[in-house]
Protein backbone atom coordinates (compact mmCIF):
# COMPACT_ATOMS: atom_id res chain seq x y z
CA MET A 1 40.38 0.26 23.17
CA ALA A 2 41.16 3.39 21.14
CA THR A 3 44.66 3.77 19.73
CA VAL A 4 46.45 6.83 21.12
CA LYS A 5 49.10 8.27 18.83
CA THR A 6 52.10 10.22 20.11
CA LEU A 7 54.55 12.26 18.08
CA VAL A 8 58.03 12.66 19.53
CA LEU A 9 59.44 15.64 17.65
CA ARG A 10 63.20 15.82 17.30
CA THR A 11 65.80 17.92 15.57
CA ALA A 12 69.58 18.27 15.51
CA GLY A 13 70.81 17.84 19.09
CA SER A 14 67.82 16.00 20.56
CA ASN A 15 69.22 13.14 22.61
CA CYS A 16 66.43 11.82 24.83
CA ASP A 17 64.08 11.03 21.98
CA GLY A 18 64.67 7.27 22.15
CA GLU A 19 63.87 7.09 25.86
CA THR A 20 60.74 9.21 25.34
CA VAL A 21 59.55 6.93 22.55
CA HIS A 22 60.11 3.90 24.77
CA ALA A 23 58.20 5.46 27.66
CA PHE A 24 55.10 6.19 25.60
CA GLU A 25 55.19 2.83 23.83
CA ALA A 26 55.48 1.01 27.16
CA VAL A 27 52.22 2.55 28.40
CA GLY A 28 50.33 1.64 25.25
CA SER A 29 50.69 4.50 22.79
CA LYS A 30 51.62 4.17 19.15
CA VAL A 31 54.61 6.46 18.68
CA ASP A 32 56.24 8.13 15.70
CA LEU A 33 59.66 9.73 16.04
CA LEU A 34 60.02 12.43 13.42
CA HIS A 35 62.39 15.25 12.57
CA ILE A 36 60.65 18.63 12.57
CA ASN A 37 61.44 19.01 8.87
CA ARG A 38 59.09 16.12 8.06
CA VAL A 39 56.22 18.09 9.62
CA VAL A 40 57.25 21.43 8.12
CA GLU A 41 57.45 19.80 4.67
CA GLY A 42 53.97 18.29 5.07
CA GLN A 43 55.02 14.64 5.17
CA ALA A 44 53.27 14.40 8.55
CA HIS A 45 50.70 16.58 10.31
CA LEU A 46 50.14 17.27 14.00
CA GLU A 47 46.42 16.61 13.57
CA GLU A 48 47.24 12.91 13.18
CA TYR A 49 48.29 12.70 16.84
CA GLN A 50 46.79 13.16 20.30
CA ILE A 51 50.05 13.77 22.16
CA LEU A 52 53.09 15.83 21.17
CA ALA A 53 56.33 15.28 23.09
CA ILE A 54 59.37 17.55 22.79
CA PRO A 55 62.24 15.56 24.33
CA GLY A 56 65.39 16.59 26.11
CA GLY A 57 68.75 17.29 24.55
CA PHE A 58 70.73 20.27 23.35
CA THR A 59 68.93 21.27 20.17
CA TYR A 60 71.16 23.14 17.74
CA GLY A 61 73.85 23.12 20.41
CA ASP A 62 71.75 25.48 22.56
CA ASP A 63 73.11 28.33 20.44
CA ILE A 64 71.75 31.78 21.42
CA ALA A 65 70.03 30.21 24.44
CA ALA A 66 68.84 26.73 25.35
CA GLY A 67 66.01 25.67 23.05
CA LYS A 68 65.70 29.06 21.35
CA ILE A 69 66.29 27.99 17.74
CA PHE A 70 63.95 25.00 17.97
CA ALA A 71 61.39 27.28 19.65
CA ASN A 72 61.58 29.70 16.74
CA GLU A 73 61.08 26.86 14.28
CA LEU A 74 57.90 25.86 16.07
CA LYS A 75 56.68 29.41 16.45
CA TYR A 76 57.28 30.58 12.89
CA LYS A 77 56.85 27.37 10.89
CA LEU A 78 54.15 25.45 12.75
CA THR A 79 52.07 28.15 14.46
CA ASP A 80 48.79 27.21 12.80
CA GLN A 81 49.25 23.49 13.38
CA LEU A 82 50.19 24.01 17.04
CA GLN A 83 47.25 26.34 17.65
CA ALA A 84 44.87 23.85 16.08
CA PHE A 85 46.43 21.04 18.12
CA PHE A 86 45.81 22.98 21.33
CA ASP A 87 42.30 24.04 20.32
CA ALA A 88 41.43 20.38 19.68
CA GLY A 89 42.05 19.57 23.36
CA LYS A 90 45.25 17.60 22.86
CA LEU A 91 48.37 17.27 25.05
CA ILE A 92 51.92 18.58 24.81
CA ILE A 93 54.81 17.68 27.12
CA GLY A 94 58.27 19.23 27.00
CA ILE A 95 61.06 17.67 29.03
CA CYS A 96 64.24 19.60 29.91
CA ASN A 97 65.24 21.12 26.57
CA GLY A 98 61.63 20.57 25.53
CA PHE A 99 60.51 22.74 28.47
CA GLN A 100 62.95 25.43 27.37
CA VAL A 101 61.53 25.21 23.86
CA MET A 102 57.94 25.50 25.10
CA VAL A 103 58.45 28.66 27.14
CA LYS A 104 60.38 30.35 24.33
CA ALA A 105 57.88 29.34 21.64
CA GLY A 106 54.87 30.71 23.50
CA LEU A 107 53.33 27.39 24.57
CA LEU A 108 53.86 28.06 28.28
CA PRO A 109 52.72 29.45 30.66
CA ALA A 110 49.84 29.97 28.23
CA VAL A 111 49.45 29.21 24.55
CA THR A 112 50.25 32.57 22.96
CA LEU A 113 52.05 31.63 19.78
CA GLN A 114 51.43 34.90 17.98
CA ASN A 115 52.77 38.31 18.99
CA ALA A 116 53.09 37.76 22.72
CA GLU A 117 55.95 38.61 25.06
CA GLN A 118 57.69 35.71 26.75
CA GLN A 119 56.40 35.45 30.31
CA VAL A 120 58.93 33.07 31.90
CA THR A 121 62.36 31.73 31.07
CA LEU A 122 64.87 29.05 31.99
CA THR A 123 68.34 30.43 32.32
CA ASN A 124 71.83 29.63 33.64
CA ASN A 125 72.06 27.60 36.84
CA ASP A 126 73.16 29.56 39.90
CA SER A 127 76.00 27.07 40.34
CA GLY A 128 77.49 28.22 37.04
CA LYS A 129 77.87 24.66 35.82
CA PHE A 130 76.05 21.75 34.25
CA GLU A 131 74.05 19.90 36.91
CA ASP A 132 73.68 16.15 36.51
CA ARG A 133 72.07 14.66 39.62
CA TRP A 134 68.94 13.05 41.08
CA VAL A 135 66.39 15.26 42.80
CA HIS A 136 63.08 15.01 44.62
CA VAL A 137 60.13 16.98 43.28
CA LYS A 138 56.74 17.26 44.92
CA PRO A 139 53.42 17.61 43.08
CA VAL A 140 51.63 20.92 43.53
CA SER A 141 49.04 21.42 40.79
CA LYS A 142 45.76 19.54 40.93
CA LYS A 143 44.87 20.35 37.32
CA CYS A 144 47.85 19.06 35.31
CA VAL A 145 46.76 16.06 33.25
CA PHE A 146 50.19 14.43 33.38
CA THR A 147 50.53 14.36 37.18
CA GLN A 148 47.11 13.15 38.29
CA GLY A 149 47.42 10.62 41.11
CA ILE A 150 50.90 11.68 42.19
CA GLU A 151 50.52 12.37 45.91
CA GLN A 152 54.09 12.10 47.18
CA PRO A 153 57.44 13.46 45.96
CA ILE A 154 59.02 11.51 43.14
CA TYR A 155 62.72 10.90 42.51
CA VAL A 156 63.99 11.80 39.06
CA PRO A 157 67.26 12.94 37.47
CA VAL A 158 68.13 16.36 36.06
CA ALA A 159 70.80 17.15 33.48
CA HIS A 160 70.98 20.77 32.42
CA ALA A 161 73.01 23.98 32.49
CA GLU A 162 70.08 26.38 31.92
CA GLY A 163 67.34 25.19 34.24
CA LYS A 164 66.75 28.16 36.52
CA PHE A 165 63.07 29.05 36.26
CA ILE A 166 62.39 32.80 36.41
CA PRO A 167 59.03 34.52 35.85
CA ARG A 168 58.96 37.85 34.02
CA ASN A 169 57.74 39.61 37.18
CA ASP A 170 55.76 39.09 40.38
CA ASP A 171 52.47 39.42 38.52
CA VAL A 172 53.33 36.42 36.36
CA LEU A 173 54.39 34.40 39.41
CA ASN A 174 51.19 35.28 41.26
CA GLU A 175 49.13 34.33 38.24
CA LEU A 176 50.86 30.94 38.06
CA LYS A 177 49.92 30.37 41.69
CA ALA A 178 46.36 31.62 41.32
CA ASN A 179 45.77 29.42 38.26
CA ASP A 180 47.27 26.31 39.90
CA GLN A 181 49.92 26.13 37.17
CA ILE A 182 52.93 25.24 39.33
CA VAL A 183 53.16 21.48 38.82
CA PHE A 184 56.40 20.42 40.54
CA GLN A 185 58.72 22.01 43.10
CA TYR A 186 62.18 20.84 44.16
CA VAL A 187 62.15 19.47 47.72
CA THR A 188 64.33 17.53 50.11
CA GLU A 189 63.85 13.81 50.64
CA SER A 190 61.50 14.64 53.51
CA GLY A 191 59.45 17.00 51.36
CA GLU A 192 60.73 20.35 52.63
CA PRO A 193 61.72 23.20 50.27
CA ALA A 194 65.20 22.42 48.97
CA ASP A 195 68.32 24.53 48.79
CA TYR A 196 71.22 23.61 46.49
CA PRO A 197 71.85 20.87 45.45
CA GLY A 198 68.25 19.70 46.01
CA ASN A 199 67.24 22.71 43.98
CA PRO A 200 69.95 22.22 41.36
CA ASN A 201 69.59 25.51 39.54
CA GLY A 202 68.23 28.19 41.90
CA SER A 203 64.74 28.29 40.38
CA VAL A 204 62.41 30.90 41.85
CA GLU A 205 60.21 29.27 44.51
CA ASN A 206 61.85 25.92 43.66
CA ILE A 207 59.72 25.58 40.53
CA ALA A 208 60.64 22.48 38.52
CA GLY A 209 57.67 22.35 36.14
CA ILE A 210 54.57 24.26 35.11
CA CYS A 211 51.45 23.72 33.02
CA ASP A 212 49.17 26.01 31.07
CA PRO A 213 45.79 27.10 32.54
CA THR A 214 44.05 24.06 31.02
CA GLY A 215 46.52 21.56 32.50
CA ARG A 216 47.17 20.07 29.05
CA MET A 217 50.49 21.74 28.19
CA PHE A 218 53.24 20.62 30.59
CA GLY A 219 56.93 21.43 30.82
CA LEU A 220 59.44 20.22 33.39
CA MET A 221 63.21 20.19 33.81
CA PRO A 222 63.60 16.74 35.47
CA HIS A 223 63.53 13.62 33.27
CA PRO A 224 60.67 11.22 34.10
CA GLU A 225 61.67 9.03 31.13
CA ARG A 226 65.01 8.37 32.87
CA HIS A 227 63.31 6.84 35.91
CA PHE A 228 60.94 4.59 34.03
CA HIS A 229 62.19 1.14 35.02
CA PRO A 230 62.89 0.25 38.66
CA THR A 231 66.51 -0.50 37.81
CA HIS A 232 66.98 3.12 36.73
CA HIS A 233 66.99 4.12 40.42
CA PRO A 234 70.63 4.72 41.38
CA GLN A 235 70.26 2.75 44.64
CA TRP A 236 67.98 -0.06 43.57
CA THR A 237 70.45 -2.74 44.64
CA ARG A 238 70.61 -1.22 48.12
CA LEU A 239 66.98 -0.23 48.60
CA GLY A 240 65.29 -2.95 46.58
CA LEU A 241 63.25 -2.82 43.41
CA LYS A 242 60.11 -0.71 43.28
CA GLU A 243 57.11 -1.94 41.32
CA GLU A 244 57.80 0.65 38.62
CA GLY A 245 59.88 3.78 38.13
CA ASP A 246 58.57 7.07 39.47
CA GLY A 247 58.26 8.57 35.99
CA VAL A 248 55.88 5.98 34.53
CA ILE A 249 52.73 7.70 35.79
CA VAL A 250 53.49 10.88 33.81
CA PHE A 251 53.30 9.00 30.51
CA ARG A 252 50.49 6.68 31.53
CA ASN A 253 48.31 9.62 32.55
CA ALA A 254 48.73 11.20 29.12
CA VAL A 255 47.69 8.04 27.27
CA GLU A 256 44.80 7.25 29.63
CA TYR A 257 43.47 10.81 29.18
CA PHE A 258 42.31 9.82 25.70
CA ARG A 259 40.73 6.53 26.80
């Protein structure tokens, strides 16, 4: 069986990198955890990997805006490597802060790393505070590589202050719909569209995650790596242990894509 290699790319303020490494290793990938400087300096190259993961955290203290400085590092220091990575048919996932980085770097909603206006953003929660809670999200897109086989809502935690998804305008929103790029939406436990706190940030149309038109670039605000083991569920002692955590399939799908 072919070895699938994943790069978890961190920088100052990343704090979910360890969990992301564990998730990919547990589903059979070989994983390297590297600071972005190692790649910029040429000690490692993106071409060595099939999957790139940008984990959650508060990179550079979320100065300017959440994920903006890390996004600029990717955009202005690794543009050629990222473009080649995408052109080679590989996968990128950004979780929480990683999602914020992807939209501000030009990796989502389409890979436009050079001279393109930002089409969507993730901004301050409507509640005006940091939201740390568990939410239900339902699968929408049929094309996203990472969510294949997810038929029912999954239960995952969020932890962010700038998670409100807003498209640049109605044209961008309509294009996301037409291209089947809306991957997850916040819902109630019964699967209905959620108001606060089920939608923890006020995202337009309850959007919790999107992919690019190919389905290979994926960003989401909830943390699938934090519901990886059954005991991560906050009510597992009351409801009983599931066979595996709801987030496992996201990582397994990525690895199996290359097998």
